[in-house]
Amino acid sequence: MKDAFLDLYFTVLDRRDNPVEGSYTCYLFEKGLDKILKKCGEECAETIIAAKNLDNAETILEISDLLYHLTVLMAQQGITPQEITDELEKRSQKSGNLKHPHNVDLNT
């Protein structure tokens, strides 16, 4: 079975290590962390808006854009898919860890 996420990750790594003229991924690496983070934020906001508008087709596109930009961030920071998988597996072992909201005194 083909793993689209791993394929994407290795393509991003290849662009990082072997720049290709005209590549958007190479452009992001060239511009650096601030640009990558800005794009992650933009795509996150666009995902929220698409979901709020109950537009599943658009939400799928925006989630895909967000995952792409997060993958570029992972590569830029040296984070591997295995590290993410390990963390998700650790979290799947937990139960009963609902976080309770903090009471905030708005009068102080």
PDB file of N, CA and C in Angstrom:
ATOM      1  N   MET A   1       0.848  -1.183   0.000  1.00  0.00           N
ATOM      2  CA  MET A   1       0.000   0.000   0.000  1.00  0.00           C
ATOM      3  C   MET A   1       0.891   1.243   0.000  1.00  0.00           C
ATOM      4  N   LYS A   2       0.547   2.174  -0.819  1.00  0.00           N
ATOM      5  CA  LYS A   2       1.303   3.410  -0.950  1.00  0.00           C
ATOM      6  C   LYS A   2       0.942   4.370   0.187  1.00  0.00           C
ATOM      7  N   ASP A   3       1.935   5.041   0.742  1.00  0.00           N
ATOM      8  CA  ASP A   3       1.720   5.993   1.821  1.00  0.00           C
ATOM      9  C   ASP A   3       1.976   7.399   1.282  1.00  0.00           C
ATOM     10  N   ALA A   4       0.904   8.121   0.991  1.00  0.00           N
ATOM     11  CA  ALA A   4       1.007   9.451   0.380  1.00  0.00           C
ATOM     12  C   ALA A   4       1.761  10.422   1.277  1.00  0.00           C
ATOM     13  N   PHE A   5       1.563  10.312   2.592  1.00  0.00           N
ATOM     14  CA  PHE A   5       2.259  11.231   3.494  1.00  0.00           C
ATOM     15  C   PHE A   5       3.770  10.998   3.465  1.00  0.00           C
ATOM     16  N   LEU A   6       4.188   9.741   3.522  1.00  0.00           N
ATOM     17  CA  LEU A   6       5.628   9.454   3.461  1.00  0.00           C
ATOM     18  C   LEU A   6       6.216   9.873   2.127  1.00  0.00           C
ATOM     19  N   ASP A   7       5.474   9.644   1.051  1.00  0.00           N
ATOM     20  CA  ASP A   7       5.935  10.092  -0.263  1.00  0.00           C
ATOM     21  C   ASP A   7       6.132  11.598  -0.280  1.00  0.00           C
ATOM     22  N   LEU A   8       5.163  12.325   0.277  1.00  0.00           N
ATOM     23  CA  LEU A   8       5.271  13.780   0.358  1.00  0.00           C
ATOM     24  C   LEU A   8       6.486  14.183   1.178  1.00  0.00           C
ATOM     25  N   TYR A   9       6.650  13.558   2.344  1.00  0.00           N
ATOM     26  CA  TYR A   9       7.774  13.900   3.218  1.00  0.00           C
ATOM     27  C   TYR A   9       9.107  13.706   2.497  1.00  0.00           C
ATOM     28  N   PHE A  10       9.257  12.579   1.828  1.00  0.00           N
ATOM     29  CA  PHE A  10      10.535  12.318   1.140  1.00  0.00           C
ATOM     30  C   PHE A  10      10.734  13.237  -0.067  1.00  0.00           C
ATOM     31  N   THR A  11       9.665  13.637  -0.718  1.00  0.00           N
ATOM     32  CA  THR A  11       9.770  14.629  -1.796  1.00  0.00           C
ATOM     33  C   THR A  11      10.214  15.972  -1.239  1.00  0.00           C
ATOM     34  N   VAL A  12       9.645  16.365  -0.116  1.00  0.00           N
ATOM     35  CA  VAL A  12      10.031  17.625   0.530  1.00  0.00           C
ATOM     36  C   VAL A  12      11.502  17.576   0.932  1.00  0.00           C
ATOM     37  N   LEU A  13      11.936  16.469   1.531  1.00  0.00           N
ATOM     38  CA  LEU A  13      13.351  16.324   1.892  1.00  0.00           C
ATOM     39  C   LEU A  13      14.244  16.429   0.657  1.00  0.00           C
ATOM     40  N   ASP A  14      13.824  15.802  -0.429  1.00  0.00           N
ATOM     41  CA  ASP A  14      14.607  15.852  -1.654  1.00  0.00           C
ATOM     42  C   ASP A  14      14.717  17.286  -2.178  1.00  0.00           C
ATOM     43  N   ARG A  15      13.627  18.037  -2.106  1.00  0.00           N
ATOM     44  CA  ARG A  15      13.670  19.438  -2.549  1.00  0.00           C
ATOM     45  C   ARG A  15      14.580  20.265  -1.640  1.00  0.00           C
ATOM     46  N   ARG A  16      14.540  19.952  -0.358  1.00  0.00           N
ATOM     47  CA  ARG A  16      15.412  20.661   0.583  1.00  0.00           C
ATOM     48  C   ARG A  16      16.886  20.395   0.272  1.00  0.00           C
ATOM     49  N   ASP A  17      17.189  19.138  -0.011  1.00  0.00           N
ATOM     50  CA  ASP A  17      18.582  18.723  -0.203  1.00  0.00           C
ATOM     51  C   ASP A  17      19.074  18.888  -1.643  1.00  0.00           C
ATOM     52  N   ASN A  18      18.159  18.929  -2.588  1.00  0.00           N
ATOM     53  CA  ASN A  18      18.494  19.041  -4.012  1.00  0.00           C
ATOM     54  C   ASN A  18      17.554  20.065  -4.658  1.00  0.00           C
ATOM     55  N   PRO A  19      17.796  21.348  -4.403  1.00  0.00           N
ATOM     56  CA  PRO A  19      16.870  22.375  -4.887  1.00  0.00           C
ATOM     57  C   PRO A  19      16.615  22.287  -6.392  1.00  0.00           C
ATOM     58  N   VAL A  20      15.351  22.543  -6.738  1.00  0.00           N
ATOM     59  CA  VAL A  20      14.904  22.548  -8.125  1.00  0.00           C
ATOM     60  C   VAL A  20      14.369  23.947  -8.422  1.00  0.00           C
ATOM     61  N   GLU A  21      14.889  24.545  -9.489  1.00  0.00           N
ATOM     62  CA  GLU A  21      14.451  25.888  -9.850  1.00  0.00           C
ATOM     63  C   GLU A  21      12.948  25.897 -10.113  1.00  0.00           C
ATOM     64  N   GLY A  22      12.269  26.897  -9.557  1.00  0.00           N
ATOM     65  CA  GLY A  22      10.833  27.044  -9.761  1.00  0.00           C
ATOM     66  C   GLY A  22       9.982  26.228  -8.801  1.00  0.00           C
ATOM     67  N   SER A  23      10.606  25.488  -7.901  1.00  0.00           N
ATOM     68  CA  SER A  23       9.871  24.664  -6.941  1.00  0.00           C
ATOM     69  C   SER A  23       9.365  25.527  -5.785  1.00  0.00           C
ATOM     70  N   TYR A  24       8.064  25.421  -5.484  1.00  0.00           N
ATOM     71  CA  TYR A  24       7.485  26.158  -4.369  1.00  0.00           C
ATOM     72  C   TYR A  24       8.096  25.685  -3.046  1.00  0.00           C
ATOM     73  N   THR A  25       8.335  24.394  -2.932  1.00  0.00           N
ATOM     74  CA  THR A  25       8.954  23.861  -1.718  1.00  0.00           C
ATOM     75  C   THR A  25      10.339  24.472  -1.511  1.00  0.00           C
ATOM     76  N   CYS A  26      11.113  24.563  -2.569  1.00  0.00           N
ATOM     77  CA  CYS A  26      12.444  25.179  -2.475  1.00  0.00           C
ATOM     78  C   CYS A  26      12.337  26.649  -2.090  1.00  0.00           C
ATOM     79  N   TYR A  27      11.339  27.321  -2.639  1.00  0.00           N
ATOM     80  CA  TYR A  27      11.086  28.721  -2.289  1.00  0.00           C
ATOM     81  C   TYR A  27      10.851  28.864  -0.783  1.00  0.00           C
ATOM     82  N   LEU A  28      10.030  27.976  -0.221  1.00  0.00           N
ATOM     83  CA  LEU A  28       9.761  28.040   1.216  1.00  0.00           C
ATOM     84  C   LEU A  28      11.034  27.841   2.025  1.00  0.00           C
ATOM     85  N   PHE A  29      11.842  26.852   1.652  1.00  0.00           N
ATOM     86  CA  PHE A  29      13.097  26.623   2.363  1.00  0.00           C
ATOM     87  C   PHE A  29      14.032  27.817   2.229  1.00  0.00           C
ATOM     88  N   GLU A  30      14.066  28.402   1.058  1.00  0.00           N
ATOM     89  CA  GLU A  30      14.918  29.565   0.820  1.00  0.00           C
ATOM     90  C   GLU A  30      14.506  30.746   1.698  1.00  0.00           C
ATOM     91  N   LYS A  31      13.199  30.955   1.838  1.00  0.00           N
ATOM     92  CA  LYS A  31      12.692  32.078   2.637  1.00  0.00           C
ATOM     93  C   LYS A  31      12.841  31.832   4.134  1.00  0.00           C
ATOM     94  N   GLY A  32      12.855  30.577   4.540  1.00  0.00           N
ATOM     95  CA  GLY A  32      13.146  30.255   5.927  1.00  0.00           C
ATOM     96  C   GLY A  32      11.941  30.040   6.819  1.00  0.00           C
ATOM     97  N   LEU A  33      12.249  29.880   8.091  1.00  0.00           N
ATOM     98  CA  LEU A  33      11.261  29.495   9.098  1.00  0.00           C
ATOM     99  C   LEU A  33      10.090  30.466   9.182  1.00  0.00           C
ATOM    100  N   ASP A  34      10.354  31.762   9.164  1.00  0.00           N
ATOM    101  CA  ASP A  34       9.248  32.722   9.297  1.00  0.00           C
ATOM    102  C   ASP A  34       8.215  32.544   8.192  1.00  0.00           C
ATOM    103  N   LYS A  35       8.656  32.342   6.964  1.00  0.00           N
ATOM    104  CA  LYS A  35       7.739  32.156   5.840  1.00  0.00           C
ATOM    105  C   LYS A  35       6.977  30.845   5.983  1.00  0.00           C
ATOM    106  N   ILE A  36       7.670  29.793   6.377  1.00  0.00           N
ATOM    107  CA  ILE A  36       7.018  28.491   6.557  1.00  0.00           C
ATOM    108  C   ILE A  36       5.941  28.589   7.639  1.00  0.00           C
ATOM    109  N   LEU A  37       6.272  29.235   8.752  1.00  0.00           N
ATOM    110  CA  LEU A  37       5.301  29.386   9.839  1.00  0.00           C
ATOM    111  C   LEU A  37       4.124  30.250   9.418  1.00  0.00           C
ATOM    112  N   LYS A  38       4.392  31.309   8.669  1.00  0.00           N
ATOM    113  CA  LYS A  38       3.311  32.169   8.175  1.00  0.00           C
ATOM    114  C   LYS A  38       2.348  31.361   7.318  1.00  0.00           C
ATOM    115  N   LYS A  39       2.883  30.525   6.423  1.00  0.00           N
ATOM    116  CA  LYS A  39       2.030  29.712   5.569  1.00  0.00           C
ATOM    117  C   LYS A  39       1.248  28.677   6.383  1.00  0.00           C
ATOM    118  N   CYS A  40       1.863  28.100   7.414  1.00  0.00           N
ATOM    119  CA  CYS A  40       1.133  27.163   8.281  1.00  0.00           C
ATOM    120  C   CYS A  40      -0.051  27.867   8.934  1.00  0.00           C
ATOM    121  N   GLY A  41       0.185  29.072   9.422  1.00  0.00           N
ATOM    122  CA  GLY A  41      -0.889  29.846  10.047  1.00  0.00           C
ATOM    123  C   GLY A  41      -1.993  30.182   9.068  1.00  0.00           C
ATOM    124  N   GLU A  42      -1.630  30.629   7.881  1.00  0.00           N
ATOM    125  CA  GLU A  42      -2.623  30.965   6.863  1.00  0.00           C
ATOM    126  C   GLU A  42      -3.469  29.754   6.503  1.00  0.00           C
ATOM    127  N   GLU A  43      -2.821  28.634   6.301  1.00  0.00           N
ATOM    128  CA  GLU A  43      -3.554  27.425   5.906  1.00  0.00           C
ATOM    129  C   GLU A  43      -4.442  26.920   7.040  1.00  0.00           C
ATOM    130  N   CYS A  44      -4.006  27.096   8.265  1.00  0.00           N
ATOM    131  CA  CYS A  44      -4.827  26.719   9.415  1.00  0.00           C
ATOM    132  C   CYS A  44      -6.098  27.569   9.442  1.00  0.00           C
ATOM    133  N   ALA A  45      -5.943  28.871   9.275  1.00  0.00           N
ATOM    134  CA  ALA A  45      -7.103  29.763   9.261  1.00  0.00           C
ATOM    135  C   ALA A  45      -8.049  29.412   8.111  1.00  0.00           C
ATOM    136  N   GLU A  46      -7.505  29.125   6.934  1.00  0.00           N
ATOM    137  CA  GLU A  46      -8.335  28.766   5.786  1.00  0.00           C
ATOM    138  C   GLU A  46      -9.073  27.447   6.018  1.00  0.00           C
ATOM    139  N   THR A  47      -8.435  26.522   6.726  1.00  0.00           N
ATOM    140  CA  THR A  47      -9.093  25.256   7.075  1.00  0.00           C
ATOM    141  C   THR A  47     -10.271  25.516   8.006  1.00  0.00           C
ATOM    142  N   ILE A  48     -10.059  26.366   8.984  1.00  0.00           N
ATOM    143  CA  ILE A  48     -11.130  26.705   9.934  1.00  0.00           C
ATOM    144  C   ILE A  48     -12.315  27.329   9.208  1.00  0.00           C
ATOM    145  N   ILE A  49     -12.047  28.267   8.314  1.00  0.00           N
ATOM    146  CA  ILE A  49     -13.119  28.942   7.580  1.00  0.00           C
ATOM    147  C   ILE A  49     -13.883  27.961   6.705  1.00  0.00           C
ATOM    148  N   ALA A  50     -13.177  27.103   5.993  1.00  0.00           N
ATOM    149  CA  ALA A  50     -13.842  26.117   5.134  1.00  0.00           C
ATOM    150  C   ALA A  50     -14.725  25.188   5.966  1.00  0.00           C
ATOM    151  N   ALA A  51     -14.224  24.746   7.105  1.00  0.00           N
ATOM    152  CA  ALA A  51     -15.006  23.851   7.963  1.00  0.00           C
ATOM    153  C   ALA A  51     -16.224  24.580   8.527  1.00  0.00           C
ATOM    154  N   LYS A  52     -16.032  25.820   8.942  1.00  0.00           N
ATOM    155  CA  LYS A  52     -17.145  26.614   9.479  1.00  0.00           C
ATOM    156  C   LYS A  52     -18.218  26.819   8.422  1.00  0.00           C
ATOM    157  N   ASN A  53     -17.806  26.916   7.160  1.00  0.00           N
ATOM    158  CA  ASN A  53     -18.755  27.085   6.059  1.00  0.00           C
ATOM    159  C   ASN A  53     -19.395  25.768   5.633  1.00  0.00           C
ATOM    160  N   LEU A  54     -19.047  24.681   6.324  1.00  0.00           N
ATOM    161  CA  LEU A  54     -19.600  23.349   6.050  1.00  0.00           C
ATOM    162  C   LEU A  54     -19.365  22.922   4.601  1.00  0.00           C
ATOM    163  N   ASP A  55     -18.198  23.301   4.086  1.00  0.00           N
ATOM    164  CA  ASP A  55     -17.834  22.978   2.707  1.00  0.00           C
ATOM    165  C   ASP A  55     -16.768  21.890   2.741  1.00  0.00           C
ATOM    166  N   ASN A  56     -17.209  20.626   2.721  1.00  0.00           N
ATOM    167  CA  ASN A  56     -16.261  19.518   2.865  1.00  0.00           C
ATOM    168  C   ASN A  56     -15.233  19.475   1.744  1.00  0.00           C
ATOM    169  N   ALA A  57     -15.632  19.771   0.526  1.00  0.00           N
ATOM    170  CA  ALA A  57     -14.675  19.738  -0.584  1.00  0.00           C
ATOM    171  C   ALA A  57     -13.570  20.771  -0.352  1.00  0.00           C
ATOM    172  N   GLU A  58     -13.949  21.961   0.050  1.00  0.00           N
ATOM    173  CA  GLU A  58     -12.954  23.008   0.319  1.00  0.00           C
ATOM    174  C   GLU A  58     -12.137  22.669   1.561  1.00  0.00           C
ATOM    175  N   THR A  59     -12.775  22.090   2.565  1.00  0.00           N
ATOM    176  CA  THR A  59     -12.065  21.705   3.790  1.00  0.00           C
ATOM    177  C   THR A  59     -10.995  20.662   3.477  1.00  0.00           C
ATOM    178  N   ILE A  60     -11.303  19.714   2.618  1.00  0.00           N
ATOM    179  CA  ILE A  60     -10.318  18.703   2.219  1.00  0.00           C
ATOM    180  C   ILE A  60      -9.125  19.370   1.547  1.00  0.00           C
ATOM    181  N   LEU A  61      -9.394  20.316   0.652  1.00  0.00           N
ATOM    182  CA  LEU A  61      -8.297  21.032  -0.016  1.00  0.00           C
ATOM    183  C   LEU A  61      -7.440  21.792   0.989  1.00  0.00           C
ATOM    184  N   GLU A  62      -8.079  22.464   1.925  1.00  0.00           N
ATOM    185  CA  GLU A  62      -7.336  23.268   2.904  1.00  0.00           C
ATOM    186  C   GLU A  62      -6.562  22.394   3.890  1.00  0.00           C
ATOM    187  N   ILE A  63      -7.148  21.279   4.306  1.00  0.00           N
ATOM    188  CA  ILE A  63      -6.412  20.358   5.175  1.00  0.00           C
ATOM    189  C   ILE A  63      -5.184  19.831   4.437  1.00  0.00           C
ATOM    190  N   SER A  64      -5.338  19.527   3.167  1.00  0.00           N
ATOM    191  CA  SER A  64      -4.202  19.059   2.371  1.00  0.00           C
ATOM    192  C   SER A  64      -3.116  20.124   2.287  1.00  0.00           C
ATOM    193  N   ASP A  65      -3.511  21.384   2.073  1.00  0.00           N
ATOM    194  CA  ASP A  65      -2.539  22.484   2.057  1.00  0.00           C
ATOM    195  C   ASP A  65      -1.842  22.611   3.410  1.00  0.00           C
ATOM    196  N   LEU A  66      -2.619  22.512   4.486  1.00  0.00           N
ATOM    197  CA  LEU A  66      -2.050  22.616   5.825  1.00  0.00           C
ATOM    198  C   LEU A  66      -1.062  21.484   6.089  1.00  0.00           C
ATOM    199  N   LEU A  67      -1.436  20.264   5.741  1.00  0.00           N
ATOM    200  CA  LEU A  67      -0.535  19.130   5.957  1.00  0.00           C
ATOM    201  C   LEU A  67       0.746  19.272   5.142  1.00  0.00           C
ATOM    202  N   TYR A  68       0.627  19.776   3.924  1.00  0.00           N
ATOM    203  CA  TYR A  68       1.822  20.017   3.106  1.00  0.00           C
ATOM    204  C   TYR A  68       2.758  21.003   3.820  1.00  0.00           C
ATOM    205  N   HIS A  69       2.207  22.123   4.266  1.00  0.00           N
ATOM    206  CA  HIS A  69       3.051  23.138   4.908  1.00  0.00           C
ATOM    207  C   HIS A  69       3.617  22.636   6.241  1.00  0.00           C
ATOM    208  N   LEU A  70       2.854  21.847   6.982  1.00  0.00           N
ATOM    209  CA  LEU A  70       3.381  21.240   8.206  1.00  0.00           C
ATOM    210  C   LEU A  70       4.501  20.257   7.882  1.00  0.00           C
ATOM    211  N   THR A  71       4.398  19.569   6.755  1.00  0.00           N
ATOM    212  CA  THR A  71       5.449  18.651   6.328  1.00  0.00           C
ATOM    213  C   THR A  71       6.728  19.414   6.006  1.00  0.00           C
ATOM    214  N   VAL A  72       6.591  20.559   5.347  1.00  0.00           N
ATOM    215  CA  VAL A  72       7.759  21.409   5.083  1.00  0.00           C
ATOM    216  C   VAL A  72       8.376  21.854   6.412  1.00  0.00           C
ATOM    217  N   LEU A  73       7.532  22.241   7.371  1.00  0.00           N
ATOM    218  CA  LEU A  73       8.025  22.636   8.701  1.00  0.00           C
ATOM    219  C   LEU A  73       8.769  21.479   9.363  1.00  0.00           C
ATOM    220  N   MET A  74       8.203  20.290   9.292  1.00  0.00           N
ATOM    221  CA  MET A  74       8.867  19.113   9.868  1.00  0.00           C
ATOM    222  C   MET A  74      10.254  18.933   9.269  1.00  0.00           C
ATOM    223  N   ALA A  75      10.345  18.993   7.952  1.00  0.00           N
ATOM    224  CA  ALA A  75      11.632  18.810   7.279  1.00  0.00           C
ATOM    225  C   ALA A  75      12.608  19.912   7.659  1.00  0.00           C
ATOM    226  N   GLN A  76      12.114  21.125   7.756  1.00  0.00           N
ATOM    227  CA  GLN A  76      12.977  22.257   8.099  1.00  0.00           C
ATOM    228  C   GLN A  76      13.529  22.114   9.517  1.00  0.00           C
ATOM    229  N   GLN A  77      12.732  21.551  10.404  1.00  0.00           N
ATOM    230  CA  GLN A  77      13.104  21.403  11.809  1.00  0.00           C
ATOM    231  C   GLN A  77      13.768  20.058  12.113  1.00  0.00           C
ATOM    232  N   GLY A  78      13.862  19.185  11.115  1.00  0.00           N
ATOM    233  CA  GLY A  78      14.473  17.880  11.333  1.00  0.00           C
ATOM    234  C   GLY A  78      13.589  16.909  12.095  1.00  0.00           C
ATOM    235  N   ILE A  79      12.287  17.069  11.980  1.00  0.00           N
ATOM    236  CA  ILE A  79      11.324  16.178  12.638  1.00  0.00           C
ATOM    237  C   ILE A  79      10.891  15.125  11.629  1.00  0.00           C
ATOM    238  N   THR A  80      10.927  13.868  12.028  1.00  0.00           N
ATOM    239  CA  THR A  80      10.581  12.780  11.117  1.00  0.00           C
ATOM    240  C   THR A  80       9.138  12.325  11.317  1.00  0.00           C
ATOM    241  N   PRO A  81       8.559  11.706  10.289  1.00  0.00           N
ATOM    242  CA  PRO A  81       7.233  11.125  10.453  1.00  0.00           C
ATOM    243  C   PRO A  81       7.191  10.096  11.581  1.00  0.00           C
ATOM    244  N   GLN A  82       8.285   9.356  11.782  1.00  0.00           N
ATOM    245  CA  GLN A  82       8.307   8.359  12.855  1.00  0.00           C
ATOM    246  C   GLN A  82       8.152   9.011  14.223  1.00  0.00           C
ATOM    247  N   GLU A  83       8.760  10.173  14.407  1.00  0.00           N
ATOM    248  CA  GLU A  83       8.612  10.876  15.689  1.00  0.00           C
ATOM    249  C   GLU A  83       7.158  11.274  15.937  1.00  0.00           C
ATOM    250  N   ILE A  84       6.476  11.699  14.888  1.00  0.00           N
ATOM    251  CA  ILE A  84       5.056  12.047  15.020  1.00  0.00           C
ATOM    252  C   ILE A  84       4.241  10.791  15.299  1.00  0.00           C
ATOM    253  N   THR A  85       4.524   9.728  14.571  1.00  0.00           N
ATOM    254  CA  THR A  85       3.829   8.458  14.785  1.00  0.00           C
ATOM    255  C   THR A  85       4.039   7.961  16.212  1.00  0.00           C
ATOM    256  N   ASP A  86       5.263   8.045  16.710  1.00  0.00           N
ATOM    257  CA  ASP A  86       5.549   7.603  18.081  1.00  0.00           C
ATOM    258  C   ASP A  86       4.730   8.401  19.092  1.00  0.00           C
ATOM    259  N   GLU A  87       4.659   9.708  18.890  1.00  0.00           N
ATOM    260  CA  GLU A  87       3.892  10.553  19.818  1.00  0.00           C
ATOM    261  C   GLU A  87       2.404  10.215  19.752  1.00  0.00           C
ATOM    262  N   LEU A  88       1.885  10.022  18.556  1.00  0.00           N
ATOM    263  CA  LEU A  88       0.472   9.665  18.421  1.00  0.00           C
ATOM    264  C   LEU A  88       0.181   8.315  19.061  1.00  0.00           C
ATOM    265  N   GLU A  89       1.117   7.373  18.922  1.00  0.00           N
ATOM    266  CA  GLU A  89       0.933   6.065  19.559  1.00  0.00           C
ATOM    267  C   GLU A  89       0.935   6.189  21.074  1.00  0.00           C
ATOM    268  N   LYS A  90       1.829   7.025  21.624  1.00  0.00           N
ATOM    269  CA  LYS A  90       1.830   7.252  23.074  1.00  0.00           C
ATOM    270  C   LYS A  90       0.492   7.822  23.527  1.00  0.00           C
ATOM    271  N   ARG A  91      -0.007   8.784  22.770  1.00  0.00           N
ATOM    272  CA  ARG A  91      -1.279   9.407  23.129  1.00  0.00           C
ATOM    273  C   ARG A  91      -2.444   8.447  23.027  1.00  0.00           C
ATOM    274  N   SER A  92      -2.380   7.509  22.099  1.00  0.00           N
ATOM    275  CA  SER A  92      -3.489   6.562  21.943  1.00  0.00           C
ATOM    276  C   SER A  92      -3.576   5.602  23.124  1.00  0.00           C
ATOM    277  N   GLN A  93      -2.515   5.488  23.896  1.00  0.00           N
ATOM    278  CA  GLN A  93      -2.503   4.612  25.065  1.00  0.00           C
ATOM    279  C   GLN A  93      -3.142   5.270  26.282  1.00  0.00           C
ATOM    280  N   LYS A  94      -3.338   6.575  26.214  1.00  0.00           N
ATOM    281  CA  LYS A  94      -3.908   7.303  27.344  1.00  0.00           C
ATOM    282  C   LYS A  94      -5.425   7.269  27.263  1.00  0.00           C
ATOM    283  N   SER A  95      -6.043   7.281  28.426  1.00  0.00           N
ATOM    284  CA  SER A  95      -7.495   7.458  28.477  1.00  0.00           C
ATOM    285  C   SER A  95      -7.819   8.241  29.736  1.00  0.00           C
ATOM    286  N   GLY A  96      -8.942   8.885  29.716  1.00  0.00           N
ATOM    287  CA  GLY A  96      -9.355   9.660  30.874  1.00  0.00           C
ATOM    288  C   GLY A  96      -8.489  10.885  31.106  1.00  0.00           C
ATOM    289  N   ASN A  97      -7.978  11.455  30.038  1.00  0.00           N
ATOM    290  CA  ASN A  97      -7.102  12.611  30.206  1.00  0.00           C
ATOM    291  C   ASN A  97      -7.755  13.891  29.682  1.00  0.00           C
ATOM    292  N   LEU A  98      -9.085  13.970  29.836  1.00  0.00           N
ATOM    293  CA  LEU A  98      -9.806  15.169  29.427  1.00  0.00           C
ATOM    294  C   LEU A  98      -9.291  16.358  30.221  1.00  0.00           C
ATOM    295  N   LYS A  99      -8.934  17.387  29.511  1.00  0.00           N
ATOM    296  CA  LYS A  99      -8.448  18.597  30.182  1.00  0.00           C
ATOM    297  C   LYS A  99      -9.648  19.434  30.590  1.00  0.00           C
ATOM    298  N   HIS A 100      -9.610  19.906  31.804  1.00  0.00           N
ATOM    299  CA  HIS A 100     -10.698  20.733  32.318  1.00  0.00           C
ATOM    300  C   HIS A 100     -10.335  22.200  32.148  1.00  0.00           C
ATOM    301  N   PRO A 101     -11.296  23.005  31.710  1.00  0.00           N
ATOM    302  CA  PRO A 101     -10.991  24.432  31.519  1.00  0.00           C
ATOM    303  C   PRO A 101     -10.683  25.091  32.854  1.00  0.00           C
ATOM    304  N   HIS A 102      -9.794  26.069  32.798  1.00  0.00           N
ATOM    305  CA  HIS A 102      -9.467  26.827  33.994  1.00  0.00           C
ATOM    306  C   HIS A 102     -10.549  27.871  34.248  1.00  0.00           C
ATOM    307  N   ASN A 103     -10.844  28.081  35.516  1.00  0.00           N
ATOM    308  CA  ASN A 103     -11.751  29.173  35.867  1.00  0.00           C
ATOM    309  C   ASN A 103     -10.945  30.464  35.829  1.00  0.00           C
ATOM    310  N   VAL A 104     -11.467  31.425  35.120  1.00  0.00           N
ATOM    311  CA  VAL A 104     -10.779  32.695  34.982  1.00  0.00           C
ATOM    312  C   VAL A 104     -11.609  33.759  35.669  1.00  0.00           C
ATOM    313  N   ASP A 105     -10.978  34.503  36.542  1.00  0.00           N
ATOM    314  CA  ASP A 105     -11.643  35.609  37.223  1.00  0.00           C
ATOM    315  C   ASP A 105     -11.489  36.838  36.353  1.00  0.00           C
ATOM    316  N   LEU A 106     -12.545  37.217  35.671  1.00  0.00           N
ATOM    317  CA  LEU A 106     -12.484  38.346  34.747  1.00  0.00           C
ATOM    318  C   LEU A 106     -12.444  39.691  35.475  1.00  0.00           C
ATOM    319  N   ASN A 107     -12.609  39.680  36.787  1.00  0.00           N
ATOM    320  CA  ASN A 107     -12.611  40.928  37.546  1.00  0.00           C
ATOM    321  C   ASN A 107     -11.232  41.328  38.036  1.00  0.00           C
ATOM    322  N   THR A 108     -10.219  40.522  37.740  1.00  0.00           N
ATOM    323  CA  THR A 108      -8.869  40.879  38.211  1.00  0.00           C
ATOM    324  C   THR A 108      -8.017  41.335  37.076  1.00  0.00           C
TER     325      THR A 108
END
